[in-house]
Amino acid sequence: MDAIDDATLERMLALAAVAVPADEREALRRDLGRVLSSIAAIADAPVDDLPPTYGVTTGARARSDEPAENLDRAEALAGAPQSADGHFVMPSAMGRGKES
């Protein structure tokens, strides 16, 4: 049984808004299957005796949560490729929907 069936692959491609030519789909399916196998191997790794990572311990350093001065709106928008009505104008992240 394939780790990723046709319906799952189609759903993943639709969610990612990615077009993959038919002749490349089998290679993609194999690659995704290898990724899933690698994740399964990591999930099965014995880690009960390992110490916590650095970021979890009390020795971790974090910046202080202090308020800072905001960037002036006009200054921020001056560096934007496009702006309108005091806001950034961005293309659709998924290439869908109304274009500005």
N, C-alpha and C. Protein backbone atom coordinates (compact mmCIF):
# COMPACT_ATOMS: atom_id res chain seq x y z
N MET A 1 0.84 -1.20 0.00
CA MET A 1 0.00 0.00 0.00
C MET A 1 0.87 1.24 0.00
N ASP A 2 0.52 2.20 -0.83
CA ASP A 2 1.28 3.45 -0.89
C ASP A 2 1.05 4.27 0.37
N ALA A 3 2.10 4.95 0.82
CA ALA A 3 1.98 5.82 1.98
C ALA A 3 1.04 6.98 1.66
N ILE A 4 1.06 7.41 0.40
CA ILE A 4 0.21 8.52 -0.04
C ILE A 4 -0.57 8.05 -1.26
N ASP A 5 -1.88 7.95 -1.11
CA ASP A 5 -2.71 7.52 -2.24
C ASP A 5 -3.04 8.71 -3.15
N ASP A 6 -3.69 8.42 -4.26
CA ASP A 6 -4.00 9.46 -5.24
C ASP A 6 -4.84 10.59 -4.65
N ALA A 7 -5.85 10.23 -3.88
CA ALA A 7 -6.74 11.26 -3.31
C ALA A 7 -5.98 12.16 -2.34
N THR A 8 -5.10 11.57 -1.53
CA THR A 8 -4.32 12.37 -0.58
C THR A 8 -3.36 13.29 -1.32
N LEU A 9 -2.70 12.77 -2.36
CA LEU A 9 -1.78 13.60 -3.13
C LEU A 9 -2.53 14.75 -3.79
N GLU A 10 -3.69 14.48 -4.37
CA GLU A 10 -4.49 15.54 -5.00
C GLU A 10 -4.88 16.60 -3.98
N ARG A 11 -5.28 16.17 -2.80
CA ARG A 11 -5.69 17.11 -1.74
C ARG A 11 -4.50 17.97 -1.30
N MET A 12 -3.34 17.35 -1.14
CA MET A 12 -2.14 18.10 -0.75
C MET A 12 -1.77 19.14 -1.79
N LEU A 13 -1.83 18.75 -3.06
CA LEU A 13 -1.50 19.68 -4.13
C LEU A 13 -2.50 20.83 -4.19
N ALA A 14 -3.77 20.53 -3.96
CA ALA A 14 -4.79 21.59 -3.96
C ALA A 14 -4.57 22.55 -2.79
N LEU A 15 -4.30 22.01 -1.61
CA LEU A 15 -4.08 22.86 -0.44
C LEU A 15 -2.84 23.73 -0.60
N ALA A 16 -1.81 23.17 -1.23
CA ALA A 16 -0.57 23.92 -1.44
C ALA A 16 -0.66 24.83 -2.66
N ALA A 17 -1.74 24.71 -3.43
CA ALA A 17 -1.92 25.48 -4.67
C ALA A 17 -0.71 25.30 -5.58
N VAL A 18 -0.33 24.02 -5.74
CA VAL A 18 0.83 23.68 -6.56
C VAL A 18 0.36 22.81 -7.72
N ALA A 19 0.83 23.13 -8.90
CA ALA A 19 0.53 22.31 -10.07
C ALA A 19 1.74 21.43 -10.37
N VAL A 20 1.54 20.14 -10.36
CA VAL A 20 2.62 19.19 -10.66
C VAL A 20 2.21 18.41 -11.90
N PRO A 21 3.05 18.44 -12.93
CA PRO A 21 2.72 17.70 -14.15
C PRO A 21 2.54 16.21 -13.86
N ALA A 22 1.69 15.56 -14.63
CA ALA A 22 1.37 14.14 -14.43
C ALA A 22 2.61 13.27 -14.44
N ASP A 23 3.59 13.59 -15.29
CA ASP A 23 4.78 12.75 -15.39
C ASP A 23 5.74 12.92 -14.20
N GLU A 24 5.48 13.89 -13.32
CA GLU A 24 6.32 14.11 -12.14
C GLU A 24 5.65 13.66 -10.84
N ARG A 25 4.40 13.28 -10.91
CA ARG A 25 3.65 12.95 -9.69
C ARG A 25 4.15 11.69 -8.99
N GLU A 26 4.55 10.68 -9.75
CA GLU A 26 5.02 9.45 -9.13
C GLU A 26 6.31 9.70 -8.35
N ALA A 27 7.21 10.50 -8.90
CA ALA A 27 8.44 10.85 -8.20
C ALA A 27 8.12 11.64 -6.93
N LEU A 28 7.16 12.56 -7.02
CA LEU A 28 6.75 13.32 -5.85
C LEU A 28 6.16 12.40 -4.79
N ARG A 29 5.34 11.44 -5.21
CA ARG A 29 4.74 10.49 -4.27
C ARG A 29 5.83 9.69 -3.54
N ARG A 30 6.85 9.24 -4.30
CA ARG A 30 7.96 8.50 -3.69
C ARG A 30 8.72 9.37 -2.69
N ASP A 31 8.99 10.63 -3.08
CA ASP A 31 9.72 11.55 -2.19
C ASP A 31 8.93 11.79 -0.91
N LEU A 32 7.64 12.04 -1.05
CA LEU A 32 6.81 12.26 0.14
C LEU A 32 6.75 11.00 1.00
N GLY A 33 6.73 9.84 0.38
CA GLY A 33 6.76 8.58 1.13
C GLY A 33 8.04 8.44 1.94
N ARG A 34 9.18 8.85 1.35
CA ARG A 34 10.45 8.81 2.08
C ARG A 34 10.43 9.78 3.26
N VAL A 35 9.84 10.95 3.06
CA VAL A 35 9.73 11.91 4.16
C VAL A 35 8.91 11.32 5.30
N LEU A 36 7.77 10.73 4.96
CA LEU A 36 6.94 10.11 6.00
C LEU A 36 7.66 8.98 6.72
N SER A 37 8.43 8.18 5.99
CA SER A 37 9.21 7.10 6.61
C SER A 37 10.26 7.67 7.56
N SER A 38 10.90 8.76 7.17
CA SER A 38 11.90 9.38 8.02
C SER A 38 11.28 9.92 9.30
N ILE A 39 10.12 10.53 9.17
CA ILE A 39 9.42 11.06 10.35
C ILE A 39 9.01 9.92 11.27
N ALA A 40 8.54 8.82 10.69
CA ALA A 40 8.16 7.66 11.50
C ALA A 40 9.37 7.12 12.25
N ALA A 41 10.52 7.09 11.60
CA ALA A 41 11.74 6.60 12.27
C ALA A 41 12.13 7.52 13.41
N ILE A 42 12.00 8.81 13.21
CA ILE A 42 12.31 9.76 14.29
C ILE A 42 11.32 9.60 15.44
N ALA A 43 10.05 9.41 15.10
CA ALA A 43 9.03 9.25 16.14
C ALA A 43 9.27 8.00 16.98
N ASP A 44 9.87 6.97 16.38
CA ASP A 44 10.14 5.72 17.09
C ASP A 44 11.47 5.71 17.83
N ALA A 45 12.26 6.76 17.68
CA ALA A 45 13.58 6.80 18.32
C ALA A 45 13.43 6.84 19.84
N PRO A 46 14.29 6.08 20.55
CA PRO A 46 14.24 6.09 22.02
C PRO A 46 14.85 7.39 22.56
N VAL A 47 14.04 8.22 23.17
CA VAL A 47 14.52 9.50 23.68
C VAL A 47 14.23 9.69 25.17
N ASP A 48 13.73 8.66 25.81
CA ASP A 48 13.35 8.80 27.22
C ASP A 48 14.52 9.15 28.13
N ASP A 49 15.72 8.71 27.79
CA ASP A 49 16.88 8.95 28.65
C ASP A 49 17.68 10.18 28.26
N LEU A 50 17.24 10.93 27.28
CA LEU A 50 17.98 12.10 26.84
C LEU A 50 17.61 13.32 27.69
N PRO A 51 18.61 14.16 27.98
CA PRO A 51 18.30 15.39 28.75
C PRO A 51 17.52 16.36 27.87
N PRO A 52 16.80 17.27 28.48
CA PRO A 52 16.06 18.26 27.68
C PRO A 52 17.02 19.13 26.88
N THR A 53 16.53 19.70 25.81
CA THR A 53 17.37 20.56 24.99
C THR A 53 17.62 21.89 25.69
N TYR A 54 18.57 22.64 25.18
CA TYR A 54 18.97 23.89 25.83
C TYR A 54 17.81 24.86 26.01
N GLY A 55 16.98 25.01 25.01
CA GLY A 55 15.91 26.00 25.09
C GLY A 55 14.86 25.69 26.13
N VAL A 56 14.81 24.46 26.61
CA VAL A 56 13.80 24.07 27.57
C VAL A 56 14.28 24.28 29.00
N THR A 57 15.57 24.34 29.20
CA THR A 57 16.12 24.43 30.55
C THR A 57 16.03 25.86 31.08
N THR A 58 16.29 26.01 32.35
CA THR A 58 16.27 27.34 32.95
C THR A 58 17.48 28.16 32.53
N GLY A 59 18.48 27.54 31.91
CA GLY A 59 19.66 28.26 31.47
C GLY A 59 19.45 29.02 30.17
N ALA A 60 18.31 28.86 29.56
CA ALA A 60 18.06 29.54 28.30
C ALA A 60 17.92 31.04 28.53
N ARG A 61 18.45 31.81 27.59
CA ARG A 61 18.34 33.26 27.69
C ARG A 61 17.25 33.75 26.75
N ALA A 62 16.49 34.68 27.19
CA ALA A 62 15.47 35.29 26.35
C ALA A 62 15.57 36.80 26.52
N ARG A 63 15.20 37.50 25.49
CA ARG A 63 15.23 38.95 25.60
C ARG A 63 14.15 39.41 26.56
N SER A 64 14.34 40.54 27.13
CA SER A 64 13.31 41.08 28.01
C SER A 64 12.12 41.52 27.17
N ASP A 65 10.96 41.41 27.73
CA ASP A 65 9.74 41.77 27.02
C ASP A 65 9.39 43.21 27.36
N GLU A 66 10.15 44.11 26.77
CA GLU A 66 9.98 45.53 27.04
C GLU A 66 9.39 46.21 25.81
N PRO A 67 8.46 47.13 26.01
CA PRO A 67 7.92 47.86 24.86
C PRO A 67 9.02 48.68 24.19
N ALA A 68 8.93 48.80 22.87
CA ALA A 68 9.90 49.58 22.11
C ALA A 68 9.15 50.57 21.24
N GLU A 69 9.87 51.56 20.77
CA GLU A 69 9.25 52.58 19.93
C GLU A 69 8.86 51.96 18.60
N ASN A 70 7.66 52.28 18.14
CA ASN A 70 7.18 51.77 16.86
C ASN A 70 7.82 52.53 15.71
N LEU A 71 7.93 51.85 14.59
CA LEU A 71 8.40 52.49 13.37
C LEU A 71 7.31 53.41 12.86
N ASP A 72 7.67 54.60 12.46
CA ASP A 72 6.72 55.56 11.94
C ASP A 72 6.07 54.98 10.67
N ARG A 73 4.75 55.12 10.57
CA ARG A 73 4.00 54.54 9.44
C ARG A 73 4.54 55.03 8.09
N ALA A 74 4.77 56.30 7.96
CA ALA A 74 5.26 56.85 6.69
C ALA A 74 6.63 56.28 6.34
N GLU A 75 7.49 56.12 7.36
CA GLU A 75 8.82 55.55 7.13
C GLU A 75 8.71 54.08 6.69
N ALA A 76 7.82 53.33 7.32
CA ALA A 76 7.64 51.93 6.97
C ALA A 76 7.09 51.80 5.54
N LEU A 77 6.12 52.61 5.21
CA LEU A 77 5.50 52.54 3.89
C LEU A 77 6.43 53.05 2.79
N ALA A 78 7.40 53.89 3.16
CA ALA A 78 8.34 54.42 2.16
C ALA A 78 9.17 53.30 1.54
N GLY A 79 9.41 52.24 2.28
CA GLY A 79 10.19 51.13 1.76
C GLY A 79 9.36 50.07 1.07
N ALA A 80 8.05 50.24 1.06
CA ALA A 80 7.17 49.23 0.46
C ALA A 80 7.11 49.39 -1.05
N PRO A 81 7.09 48.26 -1.78
CA PRO A 81 6.95 48.36 -3.23
C PRO A 81 5.63 49.01 -3.64
N GLN A 82 4.57 48.75 -2.84
CA GLN A 82 3.25 49.32 -3.12
C GLN A 82 2.54 49.61 -1.81
N SER A 83 1.82 50.72 -1.77
CA SER A 83 0.99 51.04 -0.61
C SER A 83 -0.23 51.81 -1.08
N ALA A 84 -1.26 51.78 -0.24
CA ALA A 84 -2.48 52.52 -0.56
C ALA A 84 -3.22 52.80 0.73
N ASP A 85 -3.70 54.00 0.89
CA ASP A 85 -4.49 54.40 2.06
C ASP A 85 -3.80 54.08 3.37
N GLY A 86 -2.48 54.25 3.42
CA GLY A 86 -1.75 54.03 4.65
C GLY A 86 -1.50 52.57 4.99
N HIS A 87 -1.63 51.67 4.02
CA HIS A 87 -1.42 50.24 4.26
C HIS A 87 -0.52 49.66 3.17
N PHE A 88 0.13 48.54 3.49
CA PHE A 88 0.90 47.81 2.49
C PHE A 88 -0.06 47.14 1.52
N VAL A 89 0.29 47.10 0.25
CA VAL A 89 -0.49 46.36 -0.76
C VAL A 89 0.35 45.16 -1.15
N MET A 90 -0.24 43.98 -0.99
CA MET A 90 0.47 42.74 -1.26
C MET A 90 -0.31 41.91 -2.27
N PRO A 91 0.39 41.16 -3.14
CA PRO A 91 -0.33 40.25 -4.03
C PRO A 91 -0.87 39.09 -3.21
N SER A 92 -1.85 38.41 -3.75
CA SER A 92 -2.40 37.24 -3.08
C SER A 92 -1.29 36.23 -2.86
N ALA A 93 -1.18 35.70 -1.66
CA ALA A 93 -0.14 34.73 -1.33
C ALA A 93 -0.34 33.42 -2.08
N MET A 94 -1.55 33.12 -2.45
CA MET A 94 -1.85 31.86 -3.12
C MET A 94 -2.12 32.04 -4.60
N GLY A 95 -1.94 33.27 -5.10
CA GLY A 95 -2.18 33.51 -6.52
C GLY A 95 -3.64 33.45 -6.89
N ARG A 96 -4.50 33.52 -5.91
CA ARG A 96 -5.95 33.47 -6.16
C ARG A 96 -6.58 34.75 -5.65
N GLY A 97 -7.80 34.94 -6.02
CA GLY A 97 -8.56 36.06 -5.48
C GLY A 97 -8.34 37.34 -6.26
N LYS A 98 -8.88 38.41 -5.73
CA LYS A 98 -8.84 39.70 -6.39
C LYS A 98 -7.42 40.24 -6.37
N GLU A 99 -6.96 40.67 -7.48
CA GLU A 99 -5.63 41.27 -7.59
C GLU A 99 -5.77 42.77 -7.46
N SER A 100 -4.83 43.40 -6.79
CA SER A 100 -4.87 44.86 -6.62
C SER A 100 -4.14 45.54 -7.73
